């Protein structure tokens, strides 16, 4: 999942316009997806997200 896709899909939530964002994300390798999500969580948690 690219940073660009995350920003585009989650922008309303990050801006406080809505309370949550759910969007589909196709994947072929579950472990790779989980690594990417964990990486994003580490980066964004430091910013309070």
C-alpha atoms as a PDB file:
ATOM      1  CA  UNK A   1       0.000   0.000   0.000  1.00  0.00           C
ATOM      2  CA  UNK A   2       1.555   3.260  -1.067  1.00  0.00           C
ATOM      3  CA  UNK A   3       1.729   6.358   1.098  1.00  0.00           C
ATOM      4  CA  UNK A   4      -0.120   8.207  -1.669  1.00  0.00           C
ATOM      5  CA  UNK A   5      -3.035   5.770  -1.544  1.00  0.00           C
ATOM      6  CA  UNK A   6      -3.212   5.960   2.243  1.00  0.00           C
ATOM      7  CA  UNK A   7      -3.230   9.755   2.156  1.00  0.00           C
ATOM      8  CA  UNK A   8      -5.845   9.921  -0.599  1.00  0.00           C
ATOM      9  CA  UNK A   9      -8.177   7.454   1.135  1.00  0.00           C
ATOM     10  CA  UNK A  10      -7.684   8.659   4.715  1.00  0.00           C
ATOM     11  CA  UNK A  11      -7.438  12.423   4.129  1.00  0.00           C
ATOM     12  CA  UNK A  12     -10.975  13.208   5.406  1.00  0.00           C
ATOM     13  CA  UNK A  13     -10.297  11.299   8.621  1.00  0.00           C
ATOM     14  CA  UNK A  14      -6.859  12.861   9.079  1.00  0.00           C
ATOM     15  CA  UNK A  15      -8.407  16.312   8.534  1.00  0.00           C
ATOM     16  CA  UNK A  16     -11.080  15.612  11.164  1.00  0.00           C
ATOM     17  CA  UNK A  17     -13.915  15.755   8.630  1.00  0.00           C
ATOM     18  CA  UNK A  18     -15.047  12.206   9.423  1.00  0.00           C
ATOM     19  CA  UNK A  19     -14.443   9.806  12.291  1.00  0.00           C
ATOM     20  CA  UNK A  20     -12.992   6.872  10.368  1.00  0.00           C
ATOM     21  CA  UNK A  21     -12.021   5.572   6.958  1.00  0.00           C
ATOM     22  CA  UNK A  22     -12.442   2.060   5.642  1.00  0.00           C
ATOM     23  CA  UNK A  23     -11.274   1.204   2.157  1.00  0.00           C
ATOM     24  CA  UNK A  24     -10.420  -2.008   0.322  1.00  0.00           C
ATOM     25  CA  UNK A  25      -6.817  -2.853  -0.374  1.00  0.00           C
ATOM     26  CA  UNK A  26      -6.079  -5.814  -2.638  1.00  0.00           C
ATOM     27  CA  UNK A  27      -2.977  -7.849  -1.817  1.00  0.00           C
ATOM     28  CA  UNK A  28      -1.252 -10.991  -2.981  1.00  0.00           C
ATOM     29  CA  UNK A  29       1.145 -11.522  -0.067  1.00  0.00           C
ATOM     30  CA  UNK A  30      -0.484 -11.244   3.352  1.00  0.00           C
ATOM     31  CA  UNK A  31       2.816 -11.088   5.248  1.00  0.00           C
ATOM     32  CA  UNK A  32       4.090  -8.263   3.045  1.00  0.00           C
ATOM     33  CA  UNK A  33       0.859  -6.324   3.626  1.00  0.00           C
ATOM     34  CA  UNK A  34       1.136  -6.815   7.394  1.00  0.00           C
ATOM     35  CA  UNK A  35       4.766  -5.598   7.346  1.00  0.00           C
ATOM     36  CA  UNK A  36       3.702  -2.488   5.438  1.00  0.00           C
ATOM     37  CA  UNK A  37       0.828  -1.775   7.833  1.00  0.00           C
ATOM     38  CA  UNK A  38       3.115  -2.236  10.849  1.00  0.00           C
ATOM     39  CA  UNK A  39       5.622   0.147   9.293  1.00  0.00           C
ATOM     40  CA  UNK A  40       2.933   2.766   8.715  1.00  0.00           C
ATOM     41  CA  UNK A  41       1.678   2.312  12.279  1.00  0.00           C
ATOM     42  CA  UNK A  42       5.195   2.912  13.650  1.00  0.00           C
ATOM     43  CA  UNK A  43       5.636   6.051  11.531  1.00  0.00           C
ATOM     44  CA  UNK A  44       2.200   7.497  12.244  1.00  0.00           C
ATOM     45  CA  UNK A  45       1.995   6.626  15.964  1.00  0.00           C
ATOM     46  CA  UNK A  46       4.874   9.007  16.621  1.00  0.00           C
ATOM     47  CA  UNK A  47       2.671  11.744  15.162  1.00  0.00           C
ATOM     48  CA  UNK A  48      -0.309  10.830  17.346  1.00  0.00           C
ATOM     49  CA  UNK A  49      -2.238   8.981  14.644  1.00  0.00           C
END
